[in-house]
Protein backbone atom coordinates (compact mmCIF):
# COMPACT_ATOMS: atom_id res chain seq x y z
CA MET A 1 121.66 201.04 112.03
CA GLU A 2 118.87 202.18 109.72
CA ARG A 3 116.21 202.43 112.41
CA TYR A 4 117.97 205.36 114.10
CA LYS A 5 118.43 207.55 111.03
CA THR A 6 114.94 209.08 111.00
CA ILE A 7 113.24 211.03 113.73
CA GLU A 8 110.01 209.08 113.25
CA SER A 9 111.61 205.72 114.01
CA ALA A 10 114.08 206.89 116.65
CA PRO A 11 113.38 205.82 120.24
CA PHE A 12 114.14 209.33 121.40
CA ALA A 13 111.84 211.32 119.12
CA VAL A 14 109.65 212.08 122.14
CA LEU A 15 112.50 214.10 123.66
CA GLU A 16 111.64 217.04 121.41
CA ASP A 17 108.16 217.29 122.91
CA ALA A 18 109.01 217.33 126.60
CA ASN A 19 111.21 218.66 129.38
CA TYR A 20 112.47 216.63 132.32
CA LYS A 21 112.24 218.20 135.78
CA LEU A 22 114.17 216.66 138.67
CA ARG A 23 112.05 216.52 141.81
CA GLN A 24 114.35 214.82 144.30
CA ILE A 25 117.68 213.01 144.53
CA GLN A 26 118.80 210.73 147.36
CA HIS A 27 122.25 209.26 147.92
CA ILE A 28 122.21 206.08 150.02
CA ARG A 29 125.65 204.80 151.06
CA ASN A 30 127.75 203.11 153.74
CA THR A 31 124.74 201.33 155.23
CA SER A 32 125.58 198.97 158.08
CA ASN A 33 122.31 197.12 157.51
CA ASP A 34 120.52 196.04 154.35
CA TRP A 35 118.84 198.91 152.51
CA GLU A 36 115.34 198.46 151.16
CA LEU A 37 113.04 200.35 148.83
CA LYS A 38 109.74 199.17 150.25
CA LEU A 39 107.03 197.76 148.00
CA GLN A 40 105.28 200.78 146.47
CA PHE A 41 103.52 202.13 143.43
CA ILE A 42 105.73 204.66 141.68
CA GLU A 43 103.93 207.99 141.39
CA SER A 44 106.67 209.83 139.49
CA HIS A 45 109.37 208.64 137.13
CA LEU A 46 112.32 207.15 139.00
CA LEU A 47 115.95 206.36 138.18
CA LEU A 48 117.91 204.01 140.41
CA VAL A 49 121.66 204.31 139.78
CA THR A 50 123.43 201.33 141.38
CA SER A 51 127.01 202.43 141.92
CA SER A 52 127.59 199.61 144.43
CA GLY A 53 125.81 196.86 146.32
CA GLN A 54 124.20 193.56 145.44
CA GLY A 55 120.64 192.36 145.86
CA TRP A 56 117.43 192.23 143.86
CA ILE A 57 114.76 194.45 142.33
CA THR A 58 111.18 193.67 141.33
CA MET A 59 109.19 195.65 138.77
CA ASP A 60 105.54 194.61 138.45
CA GLY A 61 106.51 191.17 139.71
CA GLN A 62 109.52 190.77 137.40
CA HIS A 63 112.55 189.84 139.47
CA ILE A 64 115.82 191.48 138.39
CA LYS A 65 119.25 191.10 139.90
CA TRP A 66 120.75 194.27 141.43
CA GLU A 67 124.03 194.81 139.60
CA GLU A 68 126.70 197.45 140.08
CA GLY A 69 127.20 199.96 137.27
CA CYS A 70 123.61 199.99 136.06
CA VAL A 71 120.62 202.30 135.99
CA TYR A 72 117.07 201.00 136.44
CA ILE A 73 114.20 203.06 135.02
CA PHE A 74 110.77 202.94 136.67
CA THR A 75 107.64 204.61 135.30
CA PRO A 76 104.48 205.85 137.06
CA GLY A 77 102.05 203.13 138.08
CA GLN A 78 104.66 200.36 138.33
CA LEU A 79 104.76 198.23 141.47
CA VAL A 80 108.39 198.35 142.61
CA GLN A 81 110.51 196.91 145.41
CA ALA A 82 114.27 196.64 145.92
CA GLU A 83 116.70 195.35 148.52
CA THR A 84 120.50 195.51 148.59
CA GLN A 85 123.48 194.77 150.78
CA LEU A 86 127.11 195.91 150.87
CA LEU A 87 126.62 199.54 149.88
CA ASP A 88 130.02 201.23 150.04
CA ASP A 89 130.86 204.95 149.84
CA ARG A 90 129.65 205.07 146.23
CA GLY A 91 126.27 203.77 147.35
CA CYS A 92 123.28 204.20 145.07
CA TYR A 93 121.22 207.17 143.87
CA LEU A 94 117.45 207.57 143.64
CA LEU A 95 116.32 210.33 141.28
CA ARG A 96 112.62 211.17 141.01
CA PHE A 97 111.52 213.37 138.14
CA ASP A 98 108.53 214.56 136.13
CA ILE A 99 108.02 214.83 132.39
CA VAL A 100 106.60 218.21 131.36
CA LYS A 101 105.07 218.47 127.90
CA ASP A 102 106.26 221.47 125.91
CA SER A 103 102.89 222.13 124.32
CA ASP A 104 100.89 222.86 127.45
CA SER A 105 103.34 222.44 130.37
CA THR A 106 101.33 219.49 131.61
CA ILE A 107 103.11 217.18 134.04
CA ILE A 108 103.02 213.60 132.85
CA SER A 109 102.78 211.44 135.93
CA SER A 110 100.79 208.59 137.41
CA LEU A 111 98.51 206.87 134.86
CA GLU A 112 98.46 209.98 132.65
CA THR A 113 101.52 208.60 130.90
CA ASN A 114 99.45 205.86 129.30
CA LYS A 115 96.41 208.02 128.71
CA GLU A 116 98.46 210.55 126.77
CA ASN A 117 100.29 207.80 124.86
CA PHE A 118 103.45 209.57 126.01
CA THR A 119 106.14 207.45 127.60
CA PHE A 120 109.72 207.76 128.72
CA PRO A 121 111.79 206.48 125.77
CA ILE A 122 113.51 203.68 127.71
CA GLN A 123 112.54 201.30 130.50
CA GLY A 124 114.07 198.53 132.56
CA LYS A 125 117.83 198.08 133.08
CA ILE A 126 120.66 199.81 131.23
CA ASN A 127 124.33 198.90 131.71
CA LEU A 128 126.43 202.03 132.06
CA SER A 129 129.50 202.37 129.84
CA SER A 130 131.13 204.83 132.26
CA THR A 131 130.09 204.34 135.86
CA VAL A 132 132.61 206.97 136.97
CA SER A 133 131.08 209.67 134.76
CA VAL A 134 127.54 208.89 135.87
CA ASN A 135 128.54 208.76 139.55
CA SER A 136 130.29 212.11 139.19
CA LEU A 137 127.19 213.65 137.63
CA CYS A 138 124.95 212.24 140.37
CA GLU A 139 127.28 213.59 143.05
CA LYS A 140 127.20 217.08 141.50
CA ILE A 141 123.41 216.96 141.10
CA ALA A 142 122.96 215.94 144.73
CA TYR A 143 125.29 218.72 145.92
CA GLY A 144 123.57 221.42 143.85
CA SER A 145 120.01 220.35 144.65
CA GLU A 146 120.70 220.66 148.40
CA SER A 147 122.18 224.15 148.08
CA ASN A 148 120.44 227.34 149.17
CA ASP A 149 121.92 229.04 146.14
CA PHE A 150 119.34 229.32 143.36
CA LEU A 151 121.97 229.20 140.62
CA LYS A 152 123.45 225.97 142.01
CA ARG A 153 120.00 224.38 142.13
CA PHE A 154 119.45 225.58 138.56
CA ARG A 155 122.80 224.06 137.60
CA SER A 156 121.72 220.72 139.11
CA GLN A 157 118.73 220.66 136.72
CA ILE A 158 121.10 221.21 133.78
CA LEU A 159 123.35 218.40 135.01
CA PHE A 160 120.28 216.16 135.30
CA GLN A 161 119.67 216.67 131.56
CA GLU A 162 123.30 215.69 130.96
CA LEU A 163 122.79 212.56 133.07
CA LEU A 164 119.77 211.61 130.96
CA TYR A 165 121.85 212.14 127.83
CA GLU A 166 124.50 209.71 129.12
CA ILE A 167 121.84 207.12 129.92
CA PHE A 168 120.16 207.54 126.52
CA GLN A 169 123.50 207.10 124.77
CA ASP A 170 124.15 203.86 126.63
CA SER A 171 120.67 202.56 125.81
CA LEU A 172 121.26 203.35 122.15
CA LEU A 173 124.38 201.17 122.19
CA VAL A 174 122.32 198.33 123.64
CA LEU A 175 119.70 198.61 120.90
CA GLU A 176 122.33 198.67 118.16
CA HIS A 177 124.10 195.52 119.33
CA ASP A 178 121.36 193.45 120.96
CA PRO A 179 118.59 192.02 118.69
CA GLU A 180 116.44 191.12 121.72
CA SER A 181 116.53 194.71 122.93
CA ALA A 182 115.61 195.88 119.44
CA LEU A 183 112.60 193.54 119.43
CA GLU A 184 111.55 194.74 122.88
CA TYR A 185 111.80 198.29 121.60
CA VAL A 186 109.61 197.47 118.58
CA LYS A 187 107.01 195.94 120.89
CA SER A 188 107.07 199.10 122.97
CA TYR A 189 106.92 201.16 119.76
CA MET A 190 103.73 199.34 118.70
CA GLU A 191 102.17 199.99 122.10
CA ARG A 192 102.91 203.71 121.77
CA HIS A 193 101.78 204.01 118.15
CA PHE A 194 98.99 201.41 118.00
CA GLN A 195 96.61 203.98 116.47
CA ARG A 196 98.77 204.27 113.35
CA ASP A 197 98.75 202.05 110.28
CA LEU A 198 101.72 199.82 111.17
CA SER A 199 102.93 197.45 108.48
CA ILE A 200 105.50 194.67 108.81
CA GLU A 201 107.82 196.65 106.53
CA HIS A 202 107.60 199.70 108.78
CA LEU A 203 108.15 197.70 111.99
CA ALA A 204 111.07 195.84 110.42
CA ASN A 205 112.60 199.18 109.50
CA VAL A 206 112.21 200.33 113.09
CA ALA A 207 114.05 197.18 114.20
CA GLY A 208 116.70 197.70 111.54
CA ILE A 209 116.34 194.25 109.97
CA SER A 210 114.67 192.72 106.92
CA PRO A 211 110.88 192.09 107.09
CA ARG A 212 111.31 188.32 106.75
CA HIS A 213 113.95 188.17 109.48
CA PHE A 214 111.86 190.45 111.69
CA MET A 215 108.76 188.25 111.42
CA ARG A 216 110.74 185.14 112.33
CA LEU A 217 112.54 186.74 115.29
CA PHE A 218 109.41 188.41 116.68
CA LYS A 219 107.41 185.18 116.72
CA LYS A 220 110.32 183.30 118.27
CA ARG A 221 110.69 185.97 120.95
CA PHE A 222 107.03 186.55 121.85
CA GLY A 223 105.19 183.44 120.68
CA CYS A 224 102.95 185.27 118.18
CA SER A 225 103.31 187.38 115.06
CA ALA A 226 103.79 191.14 115.33
CA ILE A 227 100.42 191.74 113.65
CA ASP A 228 98.66 189.39 116.08
CA TYR A 229 100.34 191.13 119.03
CA LEU A 230 99.23 194.51 117.70
CA ALA A 231 95.65 193.27 117.26
CA VAL A 232 95.48 191.95 120.83
CA PHE A 233 96.91 195.22 122.18
CA ARG A 234 94.41 197.28 120.18
CA ILE A 235 91.47 195.23 121.41
CA ASP A 236 92.78 195.54 124.97
CA GLN A 237 92.81 199.34 124.55
CA ALA A 238 89.28 199.19 123.18
CA GLN A 239 88.13 197.19 126.20
CA LYS A 240 89.65 199.75 128.57
CA LEU A 241 87.76 202.51 126.76
CA MET A 242 84.52 200.54 126.94
CA LYS A 243 84.99 200.01 130.69
CA THR A 244 84.94 203.77 131.37
CA GLY A 245 81.17 203.78 130.92
CA SER A 246 81.32 206.48 128.24
CA GLU A 247 78.71 206.18 125.51
CA TYR A 248 81.14 206.07 122.58
CA ARG A 249 79.94 204.59 119.32
CA LEU A 250 81.68 201.38 118.30
CA LYS A 251 82.74 203.08 115.08
CA ASP A 252 84.53 205.79 117.08
CA ILE A 253 86.19 203.25 119.37
CA ALA A 254 87.38 201.28 116.34
CA HIS A 255 88.94 204.39 114.81
CA HIS A 256 90.53 205.34 118.13
CA VAL A 257 92.41 202.03 118.40
CA GLY A 258 93.58 201.97 114.79
CA TYR A 259 90.80 200.28 112.78
CA SER A 260 89.25 202.30 109.96
CA ASP A 261 86.72 199.54 109.23
CA ASP A 262 84.38 199.05 112.19
CA ILE A 263 82.99 195.79 110.75
CA TYR A 264 86.51 194.33 110.72
CA PHE A 265 86.97 195.67 114.26
CA ARG A 266 83.85 193.83 115.47
CA ARG A 267 85.04 190.59 113.87
CA LYS A 268 88.53 190.97 115.35
CA PHE A 269 87.10 191.81 118.79
CA LYS A 270 85.03 188.61 118.88
CA GLN A 271 87.91 186.52 117.55
CA ILE A 272 90.20 187.71 120.36
CA THR A 273 87.78 187.98 123.29
CA GLY A 274 85.20 185.31 122.42
CA ILE A 275 82.27 187.75 122.51
CA PRO A 276 81.04 190.64 120.33
CA PRO A 277 81.88 194.19 121.50
CA ALA A 278 78.22 194.98 122.22
CA THR A 279 78.05 191.98 124.56
CA PHE A 280 81.25 193.08 126.28
CA ILE A 281 79.80 196.55 126.89
CA ARG A 282 76.58 195.06 128.23
CA ASN A 283 78.43 192.65 130.50
CA ASN A 284 80.65 195.42 131.77
CA LYS A 285 77.61 197.20 133.17
CA GLN A 286 76.96 194.26 135.48
CA LYS A 287 78.08 194.70 139.08
CA ILE A 288 79.92 191.53 140.08
CA VAL A 289 81.50 191.37 143.54
CA ALA A 290 84.67 189.49 144.48
CA TYR A 291 83.71 188.65 148.06
CA ASN A 292 87.04 186.98 148.85
CA PRO A 293 90.48 188.19 147.76
CA LEU A 294 91.15 185.10 145.64
CA ASN A 295 88.01 185.76 143.61
CA ILE A 296 89.80 188.70 141.96
CA GLY A 297 92.11 186.36 140.08
CA GLN A 298 89.17 184.15 139.15
CA LEU A 299 87.10 186.96 137.63
CA LEU A 300 89.78 188.77 135.62
CA PRO A 301 90.26 185.90 133.11
CA LEU A 302 86.52 186.15 132.40
CA GLN A 303 87.04 189.81 131.40
CA ILE A 304 85.36 190.96 134.61
CA THR A 305 86.80 193.73 136.73
CA PRO A 306 84.98 193.34 140.06
CA SER A 307 82.77 196.23 141.09
CA ALA A 308 83.83 195.59 144.69
CA ALA A 309 86.66 193.62 146.32
CA PRO A 310 88.23 193.24 149.79
CA GLY A 311 90.01 196.45 150.74
CA ASP A 312 92.56 194.76 153.00
CA HIS A 313 93.92 192.55 150.23
CA PRO A 314 97.53 193.51 149.34
CA TRP A 315 96.85 193.18 145.62
CA THR A 316 93.68 195.26 145.46
CA ASP A 317 95.44 198.56 144.73
CA TYR A 318 97.64 196.77 142.22
CA TYR A 319 94.83 195.52 140.02
CA LYS A 320 92.99 198.82 140.39
CA ARG A 321 95.94 200.62 138.87
CA LYS A 322 96.69 198.00 136.23
CA TYR A 323 93.09 198.02 135.06
CA GLY A 324 92.78 201.80 135.23
CA THR A 325 89.58 202.03 137.22
CA ASP A 326 88.67 204.07 140.26
CA LEU A 327 85.20 202.55 140.42
CA VAL A 328 86.11 199.48 142.46
CA LEU A 329 84.63 199.62 145.95
CA SER A 330 87.01 198.50 148.71
CA LEU A 331 85.03 196.22 150.98
CA ASN A 332 85.41 196.29 154.75
CA SER A 333 87.03 193.26 156.39
CA THR A 334 84.21 192.97 158.95
CA GLU A 335 81.45 190.72 157.64
CA SER A 336 78.58 192.84 158.99
CA MET A 337 80.05 196.02 157.48
CA LYS A 338 80.76 194.20 154.22
CA ARG A 339 77.10 193.16 153.96
CA ARG A 340 75.94 196.73 154.52
CA GLU A 341 78.24 197.96 151.76
CA LEU A 342 76.91 195.30 149.40
CA LEU A 343 73.31 196.28 150.15
CA LEU A 344 74.13 199.85 149.17
CA THR A 345 75.90 198.88 145.93
CA LYS A 346 73.11 196.51 144.81
CA PRO A 347 75.32 194.00 142.95
CA ASP A 348 74.03 191.74 140.19
CA TYR A 349 76.15 188.78 141.35
CA ILE A 350 78.43 187.89 144.25
CA ILE A 351 81.27 185.39 143.93
CA GLY A 352 82.84 183.93 147.08
CA ILE A 353 84.71 180.85 148.33
CA ASP A 354 82.96 178.26 150.46
CA SER A 355 85.92 177.45 152.72
CA PHE A 356 86.31 181.08 153.80
CA VAL A 357 82.66 181.94 154.47
CA SER A 358 80.47 180.23 157.04
CA VAL A 359 77.22 178.58 155.98
CA GLU A 360 75.28 181.21 157.94
CA GLU A 361 77.15 184.04 156.24
CA GLN A 362 76.58 182.47 152.82
CA ALA A 363 72.85 182.39 153.47
CA GLN A 364 72.81 186.10 154.34
CA ILE A 365 74.86 187.01 151.28
CA LYS A 366 72.52 185.11 148.98
CA ARG A 367 69.68 187.34 150.18
CA ILE A 368 71.53 190.35 148.77
CA ALA A 369 72.10 189.01 145.24
CA PRO A 370 72.50 185.74 143.32
CA SER A 371 75.68 184.24 144.74
CA PHE A 372 78.07 181.41 143.99
CA PHE A 373 80.63 180.06 146.45
CA VAL A 374 83.51 178.21 144.81
CA PRO A 375 84.12 174.72 146.25
CA TRP A 376 87.70 175.53 147.14
CA MET A 377 89.11 172.25 148.44
CA GLU A 378 87.12 169.89 146.22
CA LYS A 379 88.16 171.44 142.90
CA ASP A 380 91.39 172.68 141.29
CA TRP A 381 92.00 176.14 139.80
CA ARG A 382 90.78 175.14 136.34
CA GLU A 383 87.52 173.80 137.71
CA HIS A 384 87.12 176.92 139.85
CA LEU A 385 87.18 179.06 136.71
CA GLN A 386 84.85 176.77 134.79
CA LEU A 387 82.27 176.73 137.59
CA ILE A 388 82.27 180.51 137.97
CA ALA A 389 82.00 180.92 134.19
CA ALA A 390 79.04 178.55 134.06
CA PHE A 391 77.28 180.42 136.88
CA LEU A 392 77.77 183.79 135.15
CA GLY A 393 76.98 182.50 131.65
CA LYS A 394 80.54 183.06 130.40
CA SER A 395 81.65 179.54 129.56
CA SER A 396 82.66 180.51 126.02
CA ILE A 397 85.02 183.17 127.41
CA ALA A 398 86.53 180.61 129.79
CA GLU A 399 87.07 178.10 126.97
CA LEU A 400 88.88 180.72 124.89
CA TRP A 401 91.01 181.67 127.89
CA PHE A 402 92.02 178.04 128.45
CA GLU A 403 92.96 177.68 124.78
CA LYS A 404 95.24 180.72 125.04
CA TYR A 405 96.70 179.45 128.31
CA GLU A 406 97.58 176.07 126.81
CA ARG A 407 99.24 177.70 123.80
CA LYS A 408 101.16 180.02 126.10
CA SER A 409 102.32 177.24 128.42
CA THR A 410 103.52 175.23 125.40
CA PHE A 411 105.44 178.25 124.13
CA VAL A 412 107.05 178.93 127.51
CA ARG A 413 107.92 175.25 127.97
CA GLU A 414 109.75 175.27 124.62
CA GLN A 415 111.53 178.54 125.41
CA ILE A 416 112.93 177.41 128.76
CA GLN A 417 113.73 173.83 127.76
CA SER A 418 117.44 174.28 127.07
CA THR A 419 117.91 176.30 130.26
CA ILE A 420 116.03 173.95 132.59
CA ASN A 421 116.84 170.73 130.74
CA GLU A 422 116.53 167.94 133.34
CA ASP A 423 117.04 170.19 136.39
CA THR A 424 114.89 169.56 139.45
CA LEU A 425 113.15 172.43 141.23
CA LEU A 426 112.21 173.20 144.81
CA VAL A 427 109.98 176.19 145.62
CA LEU A 428 110.57 177.56 149.12
CA ARG A 429 108.48 180.25 150.79
CA VAL A 430 109.87 182.16 153.76
CA THR A 431 106.96 183.12 156.01
CA GLY A 432 107.61 184.67 159.40
CA GLU A 433 109.97 182.30 161.19
CA HIS A 434 109.12 179.34 158.98
CA TYR A 435 110.47 177.81 155.77
CA ASN A 436 107.72 176.13 153.75
CA ILE A 437 108.08 173.88 150.73
CA LEU A 438 105.15 174.65 148.44
CA GLY A 439 103.05 171.76 147.23
CA HIS A 440 99.74 171.50 145.43
CA ARG A 441 97.24 174.40 145.28
CA SER A 442 100.08 176.85 144.69
CA LEU A 443 102.11 178.25 141.80
CA THR A 444 104.02 174.96 141.71
CA THR A 445 101.17 173.54 139.63
CA VAL A 446 102.41 175.78 136.79
CA PHE A 447 106.02 174.61 137.11
CA TYR A 448 105.38 170.91 137.70
CA ASP A 449 102.20 170.28 135.69
CA ASP A 450 102.14 172.84 132.89
CA LEU A 451 105.86 173.41 132.27
CA HIS A 452 106.86 169.81 133.08
CA ILE A 453 109.70 170.81 135.40
CA THR A 454 110.75 167.90 137.60
CA PRO A 455 110.13 168.36 141.37
CA ALA A 456 113.17 167.93 143.63
CA ASN A 457 113.75 164.51 145.19
CA GLY A 458 111.17 163.62 147.81
CA ILE A 459 108.63 166.28 146.82
CA ASP A 460 105.13 165.01 146.12
CA PRO A 461 103.31 167.73 144.11
CA SER A 462 99.96 166.31 145.20
CA LYS A 463 100.67 167.02 148.88
CA PRO A 464 100.02 170.37 150.64
CA ASP A 465 102.71 172.80 151.80
CA TYR A 466 104.85 171.73 154.75
CA GLN A 467 107.59 173.22 156.94
CA VAL A 468 111.25 172.28 156.78
CA LYS A 469 114.38 173.23 158.68
CA PRO A 470 117.43 174.64 156.85
CA ALA A 471 119.44 171.49 157.62
CA GLU A 472 116.77 169.38 155.87
CA LEU A 473 116.99 171.18 152.51
CA ALA A 474 120.09 169.28 151.38
CA ALA A 475 118.16 165.99 151.34
CA TYR A 476 116.05 167.23 148.42
CA ASP A 477 119.19 167.74 146.29
CA ALA A 478 117.42 170.37 144.17
CA ASP A 479 119.22 171.64 141.07
CA ARG A 480 117.28 174.89 141.28
CA LEU A 481 115.65 176.89 144.05
CA LEU A 482 112.87 179.42 143.69
CA ILE A 483 112.50 181.56 146.81
CA ILE A 484 109.30 183.42 147.69
CA LEU A 485 109.97 185.91 150.45
CA ASP A 486 107.14 187.44 152.49
CA GLU A 487 107.24 191.18 153.09
CA ASP A 488 107.16 191.27 156.90
CA ALA A 489 110.24 191.95 159.04
CA ARG A 490 110.26 188.47 160.61
CA ALA A 491 110.40 186.81 157.18
CA HIS A 492 113.30 189.03 156.14
CA SER A 493 115.10 188.20 159.37
CA SER A 494 114.54 184.48 158.74
CA TRP A 495 115.87 184.89 155.22
CA GLN A 496 119.05 186.58 156.48
CA LEU A 497 119.57 183.75 158.97
CA LEU A 498 119.13 181.18 156.21
CA LYS A 499 121.57 182.92 153.87
CA ARG A 500 124.25 183.05 156.56
CA SER A 501 123.88 179.39 157.50
CA GLU A 502 126.36 176.73 156.43
CA ALA A 503 123.45 174.51 155.41
CA TRP A 504 122.40 177.11 152.82
CA ARG A 505 125.91 177.71 151.45
CA ASN A 506 126.39 173.97 150.92
CA LEU A 507 123.25 173.50 148.83
CA LYS A 508 123.93 172.44 145.24
CA ALA A 509 121.67 175.10 143.79
CA VAL A 510 123.38 177.82 145.83
CA LYS A 511 126.87 176.69 144.83
CA ASN A 512 125.82 176.63 141.16
CA ARG A 513 124.08 180.02 141.46
CA ARG A 514 120.74 178.63 140.41
CA VAL A 515 118.60 180.47 142.94
CA ASP A 516 115.77 182.73 141.75
CA PHE A 517 113.25 184.87 143.58
CA LEU A 518 109.64 186.01 143.37
CA PRO A 519 107.81 188.45 145.67
CA THR A 520 104.87 187.13 147.65
CA TYR A 521 101.93 188.83 145.96
CA PRO A 522 100.29 188.04 143.70
CA TRP A 523 102.33 184.90 143.06
CA VAL A 524 101.19 182.91 146.09
CA GLU A 525 97.56 183.04 145.01
CA TYR A 526 96.06 179.91 143.50
CA THR A 527 93.98 181.39 140.67
CA ALA A 528 93.81 181.27 136.90
CA PHE A 529 94.95 184.86 136.47
CA THR A 530 97.94 184.44 138.75
CA ASN A 531 98.98 181.20 137.07
CA ASP A 532 98.98 182.99 133.74
CA LEU A 533 101.31 185.60 135.23
CA VAL A 534 103.56 182.83 136.57
CA LEU A 535 104.11 181.69 132.97
CA ASP A 536 105.39 185.19 132.19
CA GLU A 537 107.73 185.04 135.18
CA ALA A 538 109.07 181.62 134.17
CA LEU A 539 109.87 183.04 130.74
CA LYS A 540 111.72 185.98 132.30
CA LEU A 541 113.65 183.74 134.67
CA TRP A 542 114.65 180.91 132.35
CA ARG A 543 114.17 181.88 128.71
CA ASN A 544 116.60 180.14 126.38
CA ARG A 545 119.52 182.36 125.46
CA ALA A 546 121.04 180.10 122.87
């Protein structure tokens, strides 16, 4: 297709500017028990070659089925987890590698990939056209890399380049024959080249289709025009630059993110964020503390990255990495130590939750800085955000966020309609030794209220979570099941028991293979930011394919 005939538009143009150095290869096979890649942030690039097995993989919360004969590509900074069963002698291979730039021999790893605007040319899952060839290459690479012979280790590096070539060839076939993959590539292309002058004609040429067809397909796929998506991405990059604390002029920031006219940049910034760039910079200098873990997801929609947040929260490292800041103070879990840390940081505001902080503790916190404690049980997640916004003087930002959320939920609802149709849904969380049906004040509010998915028989969305036994699940007669599995060993043991039970195998959703999964964090949190992410997950799980 036309998009692959020029170096400028080819997905693999970056290959000329870098070398790929294999760091480690592991071959996992013939496991008597389930094998797991524990939840972790990827520090180097990683290939997972699935020669056998079945299970699931999550990348930044996106749940993907583990399929034989595929390769999954992970990039630095991604939050990744995987679990599989039935690994035979072919097993699976984990290959960790670095990208080394030709120009200065700099290793591209961690968050440097984004900073340098230099990314691995493909991401996600690729179906292999020749599993035998790839397995053979992996086997030879593993053998050579373990040798004491320098030449054999050198040979394994050469074979690794050949492996990458095979994977790139397969990904090229996908792009040529799959319009959705082509659109995903164009979106990725815009994110890599956002500083350039990108026209619809140019982007359509990259996709290999006519401009008119491209505009229609892009909006259908992503819910907005390509130009609008580019504008939002550029402003997001500008915000990240502003958050560094560097004293860049707005004119320089505008030029850096692709706007030659700084007046137009200011107008676009306010249109997208709800506030002028100067106000954003001023607000960003404020020190606002998320006293409770759930406050993180309440502050992010208001364009606030907390200056301090609980250090024992499982999502803290995640949002630190995603928002590219090392300036977030990890608060101690002990209240007395937490107060001392806050006294030293001298925050401008502290946001907490009334149900999780005693009246006495609230009084002491208010002596440190102006504080607001969200009325957790009395209000829903929308009211939580509105109250915090009013306290911080950011109601206009909250209103704009809600407008975007409503448009997004409408788009997702339309996209999943033909897949979900009239199906009923039950959301089950496996926690320790218990099976809990999720009710109100959980992510089910997104499915039942915003996406209009019908709850399974007997589920009252207004009621809190409650425990059930495996034998009781059949009574709900759910067409679809969404499983949320906690990370601890007891929960995984309970999940294995459930899967092996006759009660589970006889469920309608299981028989019809309509069972989906989400990891625990951040999805179990009842906040505006998390609910927005749940919309993304619903789209990934059930987007119309017709």
